[in-house]
Protein backbone atom coordinates (compact mmCIF):
# COMPACT_ATOMS: atom_id res chain seq x y z
CA UNK A 1 129.62 67.73 107.84
CA UNK A 2 127.35 69.57 105.67
CA UNK A 3 128.42 72.78 103.52
CA UNK A 4 125.96 74.79 105.68
CA UNK A 5 127.44 73.80 108.89
CA UNK A 6 131.03 74.28 107.85
CA UNK A 7 130.16 77.82 106.59
CA UNK A 8 128.54 78.52 110.15
CA UNK A 9 131.75 77.23 112.00
CA UNK A 10 134.25 79.32 109.76
CA UNK A 11 132.05 82.43 109.87
CA UNK A 12 131.06 82.54 113.58
CA UNK A 13 133.07 82.58 116.60
CA UNK A 14 132.08 80.49 119.54
CA UNK A 15 129.65 81.74 122.17
CA UNK A 16 131.27 82.94 125.60
CA UNK A 17 130.78 80.17 127.94
CA UNK A 18 128.83 81.06 131.17
CA UNK A 19 131.09 81.07 134.35
CA UNK A 20 130.17 78.06 136.51
CA UNK A 21 131.62 79.42 139.58
CA UNK A 22 129.33 82.47 141.04
CA UNK A 23 131.14 85.27 142.37
CA UNK A 24 130.33 88.11 144.81
CA UNK A 25 129.08 91.37 143.24
CA UNK A 26 132.14 93.13 144.64
CA UNK A 27 134.46 90.93 142.85
CA UNK A 28 132.55 90.96 139.72
CA UNK A 29 132.70 94.65 139.59
CA UNK A 30 136.29 94.80 140.62
CA UNK A 31 137.27 92.41 137.82
CA UNK A 32 135.18 94.35 135.28
CA UNK A 33 136.97 97.89 136.01
CA UNK A 34 140.57 96.84 136.73
CA UNK A 35 141.22 94.29 133.97
CA UNK A 36 141.56 94.72 130.23
CA UNK A 37 139.38 91.81 129.59
CA UNK A 38 136.77 93.20 132.02
CA UNK A 39 136.74 96.36 129.85
CA UNK A 40 137.01 94.83 126.47
CA UNK A 41 136.88 91.00 126.48
CA UNK A 42 137.56 89.28 123.20
CA UNK A 43 134.87 91.03 120.92
CA UNK A 44 135.88 92.26 117.46
CA UNK A 45 135.15 95.98 117.73
CA UNK A 46 136.48 96.51 114.26
CA UNK A 47 133.62 94.57 112.97
CA UNK A 48 131.23 96.75 114.94
CA UNK A 49 132.76 100.15 113.80
CA UNK A 50 134.19 99.98 110.48
CA UNK A 51 132.12 100.84 107.49
CA UNK A 52 131.00 97.81 105.29
CA UNK A 53 130.24 97.35 101.42
CA UNK A 54 127.08 95.63 100.41
CA UNK A 55 129.04 92.66 99.03
CA UNK A 56 131.56 92.30 101.77
CA UNK A 57 131.59 89.20 104.09
CA UNK A 58 133.02 89.34 107.41
CA UNK A 59 133.27 86.82 110.48
CA UNK A 60 130.51 87.25 112.86
CA UNK A 61 131.26 87.97 116.51
CA UNK A 62 130.15 85.84 119.47
CA UNK A 63 126.51 85.84 120.64
CA UNK A 64 125.92 87.23 124.14
CA UNK A 65 122.64 85.64 125.76
CA UNK A 66 120.60 87.39 128.37
CA UNK A 67 122.56 86.65 131.31
CA UNK A 68 126.21 85.98 129.91
CA UNK A 69 129.16 87.86 131.10
CA UNK A 70 129.52 90.98 128.74
CA UNK A 71 132.67 93.20 128.60
CA UNK A 72 132.10 96.76 129.94
CA UNK A 73 132.93 98.58 126.68
CA UNK A 74 130.59 96.28 124.58
CA UNK A 75 127.61 96.52 127.23
CA UNK A 76 128.06 100.42 127.01
CA UNK A 77 128.34 100.57 123.18
CA UNK A 78 125.30 98.07 122.65
CA UNK A 79 123.10 100.03 125.24
CA UNK A 80 123.98 103.29 123.27
CA UNK A 81 122.94 101.57 119.93
CA UNK A 82 119.75 100.47 121.55
CA UNK A 83 119.20 104.04 123.07
CA UNK A 84 119.74 105.52 119.33
CA UNK A 85 117.67 103.05 117.70
CA UNK A 86 114.72 104.05 120.08
CA UNK A 87 115.33 107.77 119.93
CA UNK A 88 113.38 108.78 116.78
CA UNK A 89 110.31 106.56 117.87
CA UNK A 90 110.50 108.28 121.25
CA UNK A 91 110.77 111.84 120.17
CA UNK A 92 108.31 111.76 117.21
CA UNK A 93 105.08 111.08 119.39
CA UNK A 94 105.38 113.86 121.81
CA UNK A 95 106.34 116.43 119.03
CA UNK A 96 103.18 115.30 117.08
CA UNK A 97 101.15 115.52 120.07
CA UNK A 98 102.41 119.00 121.10
CA UNK A 99 101.90 120.17 117.32
CA UNK A 100 98.46 118.86 117.02
CA UNK A 101 97.57 120.77 120.23
CA UNK A 102 99.48 123.89 119.30
CA UNK A 103 101.42 123.76 122.78
CA UNK A 104 104.26 126.30 123.47
CA UNK A 105 108.01 125.18 123.07
CA UNK A 106 108.61 125.02 126.79
CA UNK A 107 105.63 122.34 127.17
CA UNK A 108 106.71 120.44 124.16
CA UNK A 109 110.27 120.32 125.08
CA UNK A 110 109.29 118.91 128.52
CA UNK A 111 107.19 116.20 126.88
CA UNK A 112 109.99 115.01 124.93
CA UNK A 113 112.04 114.84 128.03
CA UNK A 114 109.42 112.99 129.98
CA UNK A 115 109.03 110.62 127.10
CA UNK A 116 112.76 109.56 127.27
CA UNK A 117 112.67 109.47 131.13
CA UNK A 118 109.61 107.41 131.42
CA UNK A 119 110.90 104.83 128.81
CA UNK A 120 114.12 104.49 130.30
CA UNK A 121 112.52 103.59 133.77
CA UNK A 122 109.56 101.30 132.61
CA UNK A 123 112.14 99.56 130.38
CA UNK A 124 114.02 98.61 133.51
CA UNK A 125 110.92 97.23 134.84
CA UNK A 126 110.04 95.35 131.55
CA UNK A 127 113.65 93.74 131.59
CA UNK A 128 113.22 92.47 135.18
CA UNK A 129 111.40 89.23 136.02
CA UNK A 130 109.92 89.69 139.34
CA UNK A 131 107.99 86.78 140.89
CA UNK A 132 104.58 87.79 142.01
CA UNK A 133 102.83 84.82 143.21
CA UNK A 134 102.27 81.45 141.73
CA UNK A 135 103.49 81.27 138.12
CA UNK A 136 102.76 85.14 137.75
CA UNK A 137 105.68 87.45 137.12
CA UNK A 138 106.42 91.01 136.23
CA UNK A 139 108.58 91.79 133.10
CA UNK A 140 109.70 89.46 130.37
CA UNK A 141 113.41 89.03 131.79
CA UNK A 142 114.60 89.80 128.08
CA UNK A 143 116.21 92.83 126.71
CA UNK A 144 112.76 94.38 126.06
CA UNK A 145 112.39 98.10 125.96
CA UNK A 146 109.33 100.22 126.03
CA UNK A 147 108.36 103.37 124.03
CA UNK A 148 105.20 105.31 123.00
CA UNK A 149 102.70 102.98 121.09
CA UNK A 150 101.98 104.26 117.66
CA UNK A 151 98.40 102.93 118.23
CA UNK A 152 98.02 105.75 120.75
CA UNK A 153 99.33 108.15 118.23
CA UNK A 154 97.07 107.29 115.65
CA UNK A 155 94.09 107.19 117.95
CA UNK A 156 94.74 110.38 119.72
CA UNK A 157 95.05 112.25 116.28
CA UNK A 158 91.06 111.39 116.00
CA UNK A 159 90.19 112.17 119.53
CA UNK A 160 92.00 115.67 119.28
CA UNK A 161 90.09 116.38 115.94
CA UNK A 162 86.92 115.51 117.79
CA UNK A 163 87.60 117.70 120.72
CA UNK A 164 88.55 120.71 118.29
CA UNK A 165 85.23 119.88 116.45
CA UNK A 166 82.92 119.94 119.52
CA UNK A 167 84.39 122.93 121.44
CA UNK A 168 86.32 121.33 123.97
CA UNK A 169 89.39 122.96 122.54
CA UNK A 170 89.23 126.28 121.27
CA UNK A 171 89.63 127.32 117.60
CA UNK A 172 88.90 130.22 115.35
CA UNK A 173 87.41 130.33 111.74
CA UNK A 174 88.58 133.14 109.43
CA UNK A 175 86.39 134.62 106.75
CA UNK A 176 87.90 132.40 104.12
CA UNK A 177 86.95 129.44 106.09
CA UNK A 178 90.25 128.73 107.45
CA UNK A 179 90.19 127.04 110.86
CA UNK A 180 93.15 127.83 113.39
CA UNK A 181 93.43 125.88 116.49
CA UNK A 182 94.27 127.29 119.77
CA UNK A 183 96.47 125.96 122.66
CA UNK A 184 94.72 122.89 124.30
CA UNK A 185 96.92 121.23 127.13
CA UNK A 186 93.82 120.23 128.89
CA UNK A 187 93.28 117.74 125.93
CA UNK A 188 96.43 116.07 126.46
CA UNK A 189 95.45 115.89 130.31
CA UNK A 190 92.30 114.14 129.14
CA UNK A 191 94.05 111.64 127.00
CA UNK A 192 96.43 110.61 130.05
CA UNK A 193 93.44 110.50 132.46
CA UNK A 194 91.52 108.42 130.11
CA UNK A 195 94.61 106.12 129.35
CA UNK A 196 95.19 105.62 133.20
CA UNK A 197 91.83 104.18 133.70
CA UNK A 198 91.84 101.95 130.56
CA UNK A 199 95.29 100.39 131.43
CA UNK A 200 93.59 98.17 133.75
CA UNK A 201 91.98 96.36 130.68
CA UNK A 202 95.54 95.18 129.54
CA UNK A 203 96.43 94.35 133.15
CA UNK A 204 93.48 92.11 133.32
CA UNK A 205 94.03 90.51 130.07
CA UNK A 206 97.59 89.67 131.13
CA UNK A 207 96.27 87.06 133.48
CA UNK A 208 94.56 84.97 130.58
CA UNK A 209 96.61 82.23 129.28
CA UNK A 210 98.73 83.40 126.32
CA UNK A 211 97.25 80.61 123.94
CA UNK A 212 93.80 82.16 124.64
CA UNK A 213 95.06 85.50 123.67
CA UNK A 214 96.68 84.15 120.61
CA UNK A 215 93.54 82.27 119.66
CA UNK A 216 91.50 85.53 119.96
CA UNK A 217 93.97 87.79 118.07
CA UNK A 218 95.51 85.65 115.41
CA UNK A 219 98.10 87.06 112.93
CA UNK A 220 95.19 87.98 110.47
CA UNK A 221 93.93 90.67 113.09
CA UNK A 222 97.31 92.03 114.61
CA UNK A 223 98.83 92.02 111.26
CA UNK A 224 95.87 94.15 109.76
CA UNK A 225 96.11 96.41 112.80
CA UNK A 226 99.87 97.08 112.62
CA UNK A 227 99.51 97.79 108.85
CA UNK A 228 96.82 100.34 109.22
CA UNK A 229 98.87 101.92 112.06
CA UNK A 230 101.79 102.55 110.02
CA UNK A 231 99.95 103.44 106.79
CA UNK A 232 97.65 106.06 108.61
CA UNK A 233 100.78 107.84 110.40
CA UNK A 234 102.35 108.31 107.04
CA UNK A 235 99.56 109.89 105.72
CA UNK A 236 98.49 112.03 108.87
CA UNK A 237 101.70 113.08 109.84
CA UNK A 238 104.93 111.60 108.20
CA UNK A 239 104.46 112.73 104.59
CA UNK A 240 102.58 116.02 105.81
CA UNK A 241 105.72 116.88 108.02
CA UNK A 242 108.02 116.21 104.73
CA UNK A 243 105.97 118.93 102.91
CA UNK A 244 106.52 121.57 105.43
CA UNK A 245 104.20 120.89 108.41
CA UNK A 246 100.99 119.19 109.62
CA UNK A 247 99.87 122.28 111.90
CA UNK A 248 97.45 123.49 109.18
CA UNK A 249 99.79 125.08 106.78
CA UNK A 250 99.30 121.95 104.69
CA UNK A 251 95.88 123.48 103.60
CA UNK A 252 97.76 126.44 102.18
CA UNK A 253 95.51 128.92 103.55
CA UNK A 254 95.34 132.47 101.97
CA UNK A 255 95.43 134.16 105.20
CA UNK A 256 96.58 134.09 108.88
CA UNK A 257 100.01 132.64 110.21
CA UNK A 258 99.67 129.33 108.62
CA UNK A 259 99.91 130.70 104.94
CA UNK A 260 103.65 129.58 105.07
CA UNK A 261 105.07 126.52 106.93
CA UNK A 262 105.68 126.28 109.81
CA UNK A 263 104.30 129.74 110.55
CA UNK A 264 104.85 132.93 108.62
CA UNK A 265 107.43 134.14 111.18
CA UNK A 266 109.68 131.15 111.12
CA UNK A 267 112.96 131.22 109.64
CA UNK A 268 112.90 130.49 105.81
CA UNK A 269 109.24 130.05 105.78
CA UNK A 270 107.55 128.72 102.58
CA UNK A 271 104.59 127.35 101.33
CA UNK A 272 103.56 123.71 102.05
CA UNK A 273 105.17 121.24 99.30
CA UNK A 274 107.94 123.80 98.35
CA UNK A 275 110.91 122.06 96.57
CA UNK A 276 113.25 123.24 99.34
CA UNK A 277 110.99 121.31 101.94
CA UNK A 278 110.89 118.21 99.67
CA UNK A 279 114.54 118.34 99.05
CA UNK A 280 115.34 118.44 102.91
CA UNK A 281 113.17 115.60 103.60
CA UNK A 282 114.53 113.55 100.77
CA UNK A 283 118.32 114.31 101.87
CA UNK A 284 117.31 112.61 105.18
CA UNK A 285 115.64 109.68 103.45
CA UNK A 286 118.53 109.13 101.37
CA UNK A 287 121.02 109.36 104.24
CA UNK A 288 118.97 106.47 105.88
CA UNK A 289 119.45 104.34 102.68
CA UNK A 290 123.07 105.09 102.22
CA UNK A 291 123.92 104.33 105.99
CA UNK A 292 122.43 100.85 105.50
CA UNK A 293 124.42 100.32 102.17
CA UNK A 294 127.82 101.40 103.71
CA UNK A 295 127.51 102.02 107.25
CA UNK A 296 129.26 100.05 110.23
CA UNK A 297 126.76 97.61 112.17
CA UNK A 298 126.88 100.53 114.78
CA UNK A 299 125.59 103.21 112.51
CA UNK A 300 123.16 100.92 110.77
CA UNK A 301 121.43 100.48 114.07
CA UNK A 302 121.32 104.08 114.18
CA UNK A 303 120.43 105.02 110.63
CA UNK A 304 117.28 106.89 111.76
CA UNK A 305 119.43 109.37 113.77
CA UNK A 306 121.91 109.47 111.21
CA UNK A 307 119.19 110.70 108.65
CA UNK A 308 118.26 113.41 111.29
CA UNK A 309 121.80 114.47 111.78
CA UNK A 310 122.68 115.01 108.12
CA UNK A 311 119.40 116.81 107.29
CA UNK A 312 119.70 118.90 110.54
CA UNK A 313 123.45 119.90 109.60
CA UNK A 314 122.38 120.96 105.85
CA UNK A 315 119.18 122.65 107.28
CA UNK A 316 121.09 124.60 109.90
CA UNK A 317 123.78 125.78 107.45
CA UNK A 318 120.79 126.93 104.95
CA UNK A 319 119.13 128.79 108.04
CA UNK A 320 115.96 126.68 108.37
CA UNK A 321 116.68 125.94 112.31
CA UNK A 322 115.16 128.41 114.86
CA UNK A 323 117.50 127.81 117.92
CA UNK A 324 115.10 129.62 120.29
CA UNK A 325 113.75 126.34 121.47
CA UNK A 326 117.39 125.31 122.47
CA UNK A 327 118.18 128.53 124.28
CA UNK A 328 114.91 128.41 126.16
CA UNK A 329 115.21 124.68 127.20
CA UNK A 330 116.40 124.41 130.69
CA UNK A 331 119.63 122.58 131.21
CA UNK A 332 118.53 120.19 133.68
CA UNK A 333 114.86 118.82 133.81
CA UNK A 334 112.71 115.65 135.05
CA UNK A 335 109.30 114.73 135.39
CA UNK A 336 106.51 116.73 136.70
CA UNK A 337 108.31 119.91 135.77
CA UNK A 338 105.04 120.61 133.89
CA UNK A 339 102.08 119.08 135.05
CA UNK A 340 98.43 118.72 133.23
CA UNK A 341 95.01 118.47 134.69
CA UNK A 342 94.19 114.73 134.53
CA UNK A 343 90.65 114.23 133.56
CA UNK A 344 88.62 111.55 131.70
CA UNK A 345 87.17 112.20 128.09
CA UNK A 346 84.32 109.82 127.95
CA UNK A 347 84.10 109.71 124.40
CA UNK A 348 87.83 108.45 124.33
CA UNK A 349 87.19 105.56 126.69
CA UNK A 350 86.08 103.10 124.10
CA UNK A 351 89.03 103.99 121.54
CA UNK A 352 91.35 103.89 124.28
CA UNK A 353 90.30 100.42 125.37
CA UNK A 354 90.98 99.42 121.59
CA UNK A 355 94.36 100.68 121.99
CA UNK A 356 95.15 98.62 124.98
CA UNK A 357 93.83 95.65 123.16
CA UNK A 358 96.15 96.60 120.30
CA UNK A 359 99.25 97.05 122.52
CA UNK A 360 98.48 93.60 124.11
CA UNK A 361 98.68 92.03 120.40
CA UNK A 362 101.82 93.84 119.66
CA UNK A 363 103.36 92.97 122.99
CA UNK A 364 102.79 89.10 122.43
CA UNK A 365 104.27 89.50 118.88
CA UNK A 366 107.28 91.49 120.19
CA UNK A 367 108.08 89.43 122.99
CA UNK A 368 107.87 86.45 120.72
CA UNK A 369 110.35 88.07 118.31
CA UNK A 370 112.61 89.24 121.33
CA UNK A 371 112.81 85.50 122.58
CA UNK A 372 113.51 84.16 119.03
CA UNK A 373 116.41 86.68 118.41
CA UNK A 374 117.61 86.04 122.14
CA UNK A 375 117.72 82.22 121.58
CA UNK A 376 115.14 81.63 124.12
CA UNK A 377 112.55 78.85 123.44
CA UNK A 378 109.21 80.27 122.13
CA UNK A 379 107.05 77.54 123.67
CA UNK A 380 106.47 75.90 126.98
CA UNK A 381 105.81 77.16 130.47
CA UNK A 382 108.75 79.39 130.75
CA UNK A 383 107.81 81.27 127.49
CA UNK A 384 104.10 81.71 128.80
CA UNK A 385 105.17 83.21 131.84
CA UNK A 386 107.33 85.65 129.75
CA UNK A 387 104.31 86.67 127.84
CA UNK A 388 102.34 87.01 130.78
CA UNK A 389 104.83 89.08 132.57
CA UNK A 390 105.55 91.32 129.77
CA UNK A 391 101.73 92.05 129.07
CA UNK A 392 101.43 92.76 132.92
CA UNK A 393 104.38 95.05 132.70
CA UNK A 394 102.76 96.78 129.68
CA UNK A 395 99.54 97.34 131.35
CA UNK A 396 101.13 98.64 134.71
CA UNK A 397 103.43 100.52 132.49
CA UNK A 398 100.48 102.32 130.93
CA UNK A 399 98.99 103.22 134.15
CA UNK A 400 102.39 104.62 135.67
CA UNK A 401 103.13 106.49 132.37
CA UNK A 402 100.10 108.63 132.76
CA UNK A 403 101.27 109.60 136.00
CA UNK A 404 104.64 110.37 134.52
CA UNK A 405 102.59 112.59 132.00
CA UNK A 406 103.30 110.33 129.09
CA UNK A 407 101.04 108.37 126.91
CA UNK A 408 101.03 104.75 127.01
CA UNK A 409 104.42 103.01 126.93
CA UNK A 410 104.54 99.53 125.42
CA UNK A 411 106.93 97.05 124.25
CA UNK A 412 109.07 98.44 121.19
CA UNK A 413 109.97 96.05 118.34
CA UNK A 414 112.97 98.20 116.77
CA UNK A 415 115.59 96.82 119.44
CA UNK A 416 114.98 93.12 117.82
CA UNK A 417 116.98 94.28 114.93
CA UNK A 418 119.59 95.65 116.89
CA UNK A 419 120.00 92.08 119.08
CA UNK A 420 119.81 90.33 115.46
CA UNK A 421 122.62 92.47 114.28
CA UNK A 422 125.05 93.02 117.04
CA UNK A 423 124.29 89.47 118.60
CA UNK A 424 123.84 90.68 121.86
CA UNK A 425 120.77 89.93 123.68
CA UNK A 426 122.49 90.75 127.30
CA UNK A 427 120.06 92.56 129.70
CA UNK A 428 123.27 94.44 130.89
CA UNK A 429 123.39 96.16 127.61
CA UNK A 430 119.58 96.94 128.11
CA UNK A 431 120.37 98.57 131.49
CA UNK A 432 122.83 100.80 129.92
CA UNK A 433 120.27 101.69 127.28
CA UNK A 434 117.92 102.82 130.00
CA UNK A 435 120.62 104.77 131.68
CA UNK A 436 121.28 106.58 128.34
CA UNK A 437 117.72 107.44 127.93
CA UNK A 438 117.25 108.87 131.34
CA UNK A 439 120.21 111.00 130.98
CA UNK A 440 119.04 112.09 127.55
CA UNK A 441 115.67 113.03 129.00
CA UNK A 442 117.15 114.86 132.05
CA UNK A 443 119.41 116.98 129.77
CA UNK A 444 116.72 119.42 128.77
CA UNK A 445 119.05 121.30 126.04
CA UNK A 446 118.67 117.75 123.98
CA UNK A 447 115.12 118.00 124.06
CA UNK A 448 115.06 121.66 122.90
CA UNK A 449 117.53 120.38 120.00
CA UNK A 450 115.10 117.76 118.99
CA UNK A 451 111.99 120.39 118.94
CA UNK A 452 114.29 122.44 116.68
CA UNK A 453 114.40 119.99 114.03
CA UNK A 454 112.84 121.35 110.85
CA UNK A 455 109.55 119.71 109.70
CA UNK A 456 110.83 118.43 106.59
CA UNK A 457 113.80 116.72 108.10
CA UNK A 458 111.44 115.03 110.73
CA UNK A 459 109.09 114.19 107.99
CA UNK A 460 111.44 112.64 105.83
CA UNK A 461 112.48 110.46 108.69
CA UNK A 462 109.16 109.70 110.31
CA UNK A 463 108.03 108.70 107.00
CA UNK A 464 110.39 106.02 106.73
CA UNK A 465 109.75 104.99 110.36
CA UNK A 466 106.10 104.74 110.03
CA UNK A 467 106.39 102.84 106.95
CA UNK A 468 108.60 100.35 108.49
CA UNK A 469 105.63 99.96 110.96
CA UNK A 470 103.35 98.98 108.06
CA UNK A 471 106.04 96.58 106.66
CA UNK A 472 105.99 94.80 110.21
CA UNK A 473 102.16 94.40 109.65
CA UNK A 474 102.67 92.95 106.04
CA UNK A 475 105.30 90.48 107.95
CA UNK A 476 102.54 89.43 110.36
CA UNK A 477 100.03 88.92 107.64
CA UNK A 478 102.61 86.67 105.87
CA UNK A 479 102.07 84.02 108.34
CA UNK A 480 98.59 83.31 107.33
CA UNK A 481 97.75 80.80 104.74
CA UNK A 482 95.81 83.00 102.53
CA UNK A 483 92.94 80.57 102.16
CA UNK A 484 89.49 81.91 100.69
CA UNK A 485 88.39 82.68 104.36
CA UNK A 486 91.53 84.61 105.08
CA UNK A 487 91.28 86.70 101.93
CA UNK A 488 87.59 87.45 102.73
CA UNK A 489 88.45 88.47 106.15
CA UNK A 490 91.27 90.63 104.99
CA UNK A 491 89.30 92.21 102.16
CA UNK A 492 86.46 93.20 104.44
CA UNK A 493 88.91 94.55 106.89
CA UNK A 494 90.87 96.69 104.44
CA UNK A 495 87.61 97.94 102.95
CA UNK A 496 86.97 100.03 106.19
CA UNK A 497 90.73 100.72 106.90
CA UNK A 498 91.62 101.79 103.47
CA UNK A 499 88.50 103.63 102.82
CA UNK A 500 89.30 105.74 106.03
CA UNK A 501 92.91 106.48 104.72
CA UNK A 502 91.80 107.82 101.48
CA UNK A 503 88.54 109.56 102.80
CA UNK A 504 89.14 110.50 106.45
CA UNK A 505 85.88 112.31 106.92
CA UNK A 506 83.43 109.66 105.63
CA UNK A 507 82.03 109.04 109.09
CA UNK A 508 82.18 112.53 110.47
CA UNK A 509 78.60 113.35 109.63
CA UNK A 510 77.09 109.94 110.55
CA UNK A 511 74.93 111.34 113.59
CA UNK A 512 74.19 114.83 112.30
CA UNK A 513 70.51 113.83 111.65
CA UNK A 514 69.99 113.09 115.51
CA UNK A 515 68.07 116.06 116.77
CA UNK A 516 69.17 117.43 120.32
CA UNK A 517 70.82 114.45 121.55
CA UNK A 518 71.45 114.60 125.33
CA UNK A 519 75.14 114.74 126.87
CA UNK A 520 75.49 111.10 127.37
CA UNK A 521 74.09 110.10 123.97
CA UNK A 522 76.38 112.67 122.25
CA UNK A 523 79.36 111.29 124.00
CA UNK A 524 78.42 107.88 122.76
CA UNK A 525 78.21 109.31 119.08
CA UNK A 526 81.59 110.80 119.31
CA UNK A 527 82.99 107.64 120.80
CA UNK A 528 81.61 105.72 117.86
CA UNK A 529 82.88 108.33 115.38
CA UNK A 530 86.35 108.15 116.63
CA UNK A 531 86.32 104.54 116.35
CA UNK A 532 85.12 104.53 112.87
CA UNK A 533 87.38 107.26 111.79
CA UNK A 534 90.62 105.51 112.89
CA UNK A 535 91.60 103.24 110.33
CA UNK A 536 93.52 100.60 112.64
CA UNK A 537 90.55 100.47 115.01
CA UNK A 538 87.57 99.77 112.51
CA UNK A 539 89.60 97.35 110.50
CA UNK A 540 90.82 95.54 113.46
CA UNK A 541 87.22 95.19 114.99
CA UNK A 542 86.03 93.92 111.38
CA UNK A 543 88.99 91.21 111.29
CA UNK A 544 88.31 90.26 114.90
CA UNK A 545 84.46 89.87 114.51
CA UNK A 546 84.81 87.99 111.17
CA UNK A 547 87.51 85.72 112.36
CA UNK A 548 85.50 84.80 115.35
CA UNK A 549 82.14 84.06 113.34
CA UNK A 550 83.15 82.75 109.94
CA UNK A 551 83.46 78.80 109.89
CA UNK A 552 86.68 77.07 109.25
CA UNK A 553 85.61 73.93 108.11
CA UNK A 554 84.32 74.66 104.66
CA UNK A 555 87.03 77.21 103.56
CA UNK A 556 89.87 74.82 102.81
CA UNK A 557 87.41 72.79 100.57
CA UNK A 558 86.32 76.13 98.72
CA UNK A 559 89.90 76.91 98.51
CA UNK A 560 90.68 73.43 96.76
CA UNK A 561 87.99 74.03 94.29
CA UNK A 562 89.00 77.43 93.36
CA UNK A 563 92.48 76.12 92.74
CA UNK A 564 91.00 73.28 90.64
CA UNK A 565 89.15 76.02 88.55
CA UNK A 566 92.11 78.07 88.15
CA UNK A 567 94.09 75.19 86.75
CA UNK A 568 91.38 74.29 84.48
CA UNK A 569 91.08 77.80 83.09
CA UNK A 570 94.87 77.83 82.59
CA UNK A 571 94.77 74.61 80.66
CA UNK A 572 91.93 76.01 78.42
CA UNK A 573 93.90 79.24 77.79
CA UNK A 574 97.11 76.90 76.76
CA UNK A 575 95.10 74.90 74.41
CA UNK A 576 93.54 78.07 72.73
CA UNK A 577 96.89 79.48 72.30
CA UNK A 578 98.15 76.13 70.57
CA UNK A 579 95.33 76.18 68.27
């Protein structure tokens, strides 16, 4: 036996064997709640909960597959880990949406609750595998959870900017040129309505064979989009909140309520970029790093929440937290407590269609990763049906989430890391995760607390979170071979994407020279401007088009010639040095 196989035998416990004798639901429940084995099983809970050192080596617990029998305590603990791992990614988008639209604290708190409840409900659908007709199914049948797509977050920012610029949303301009935005809940309703009708695109794409989708959207396209999504969110939200806020105070105006962050009337209001704000965000950021170094597996999976908790404790002690959002939040809430006027914003149709194409690409990659960590084959008809069911559930989820007053919910990738660490891919744990999310959402005070988190604390955490998205894009790009053709496509796509990141207003004035356009033409101009001003949309489109039109046959020959030329240049340099 080889050295590798010996180490795997000594470090890992055997996987639990499935019970060959099926039992009734009642007998299973009775065995779970009345026996010690049903509650605890043979799992090593010390490994899960005790702190670890970076150099320590410990025996791995057994792996639990998607339908293996799972102890009740482990199911609850694993479900809580998944819920905590998702929490930051679920609360950040509604907080950012509410801040961009200047919504009041009650509405903002409701949006957080609706996001948590909607994620819990639609994750249950995604974990199912309902047979429809023929070979078509609904859901992946894996421990797949859903949350607000960061692609929507990046695109919505450009859509809202356009609404304020063209007068759809109110704003005032001070004598010194400072623009102050007014509350605009109708803009959120327009985003929901546009998302609702655009969801049919992803529903239609789900019925295409996965191989065709993967051929149209290879890693060079998907990786570029994900990289740009994460990078743009770091610059447009994460790092701005770290400095004190992204509501207009980052411009450091000389008059108005945004002279200080978050506003002049807030506790401990300071100018944007003050060292106190930077220190609070850095404390949250460092807490994440220390948790990864020394935390138990349970805490490592919740490192983002640990960073938020540490930052909030210090911020609260220093007087930076305004508790009014907690006291004003209801004890119990649910969907539709607050409603928005559902409408369609025509200039947002094209960008939102691109968002659903992006979520389709993300879903395929995330479902593949979930299958790998769940030890499910990633080829064959069974895997194709999981892809089809997952994309279909994503599309239907985008439609239903709009009715839930939530922006499109798509498959989350964060939970694959939890599965990998805990070695638990069981859907029972996933259902407990959904239960925790729904409970968190229904308890309105929890949403009020999340809303009270100071911007620098939230910014330090979300900067790390959004940077993790960018790293995921780099990981996808690592699958390409970087031939001359690949490098050319990537360079062309990043020319637009990185250019947009560094100079966001480059395409804002593109159609200013058109005199008196009619309403339809003006809407088209605004739609094109939104696409061109959103880094992941324009870079993804460039990568997609070039990947389809550039030939493959000559690229490898050119690559070989380039390698030969480089080798010859190196030989010449070596000879010159020897002389």
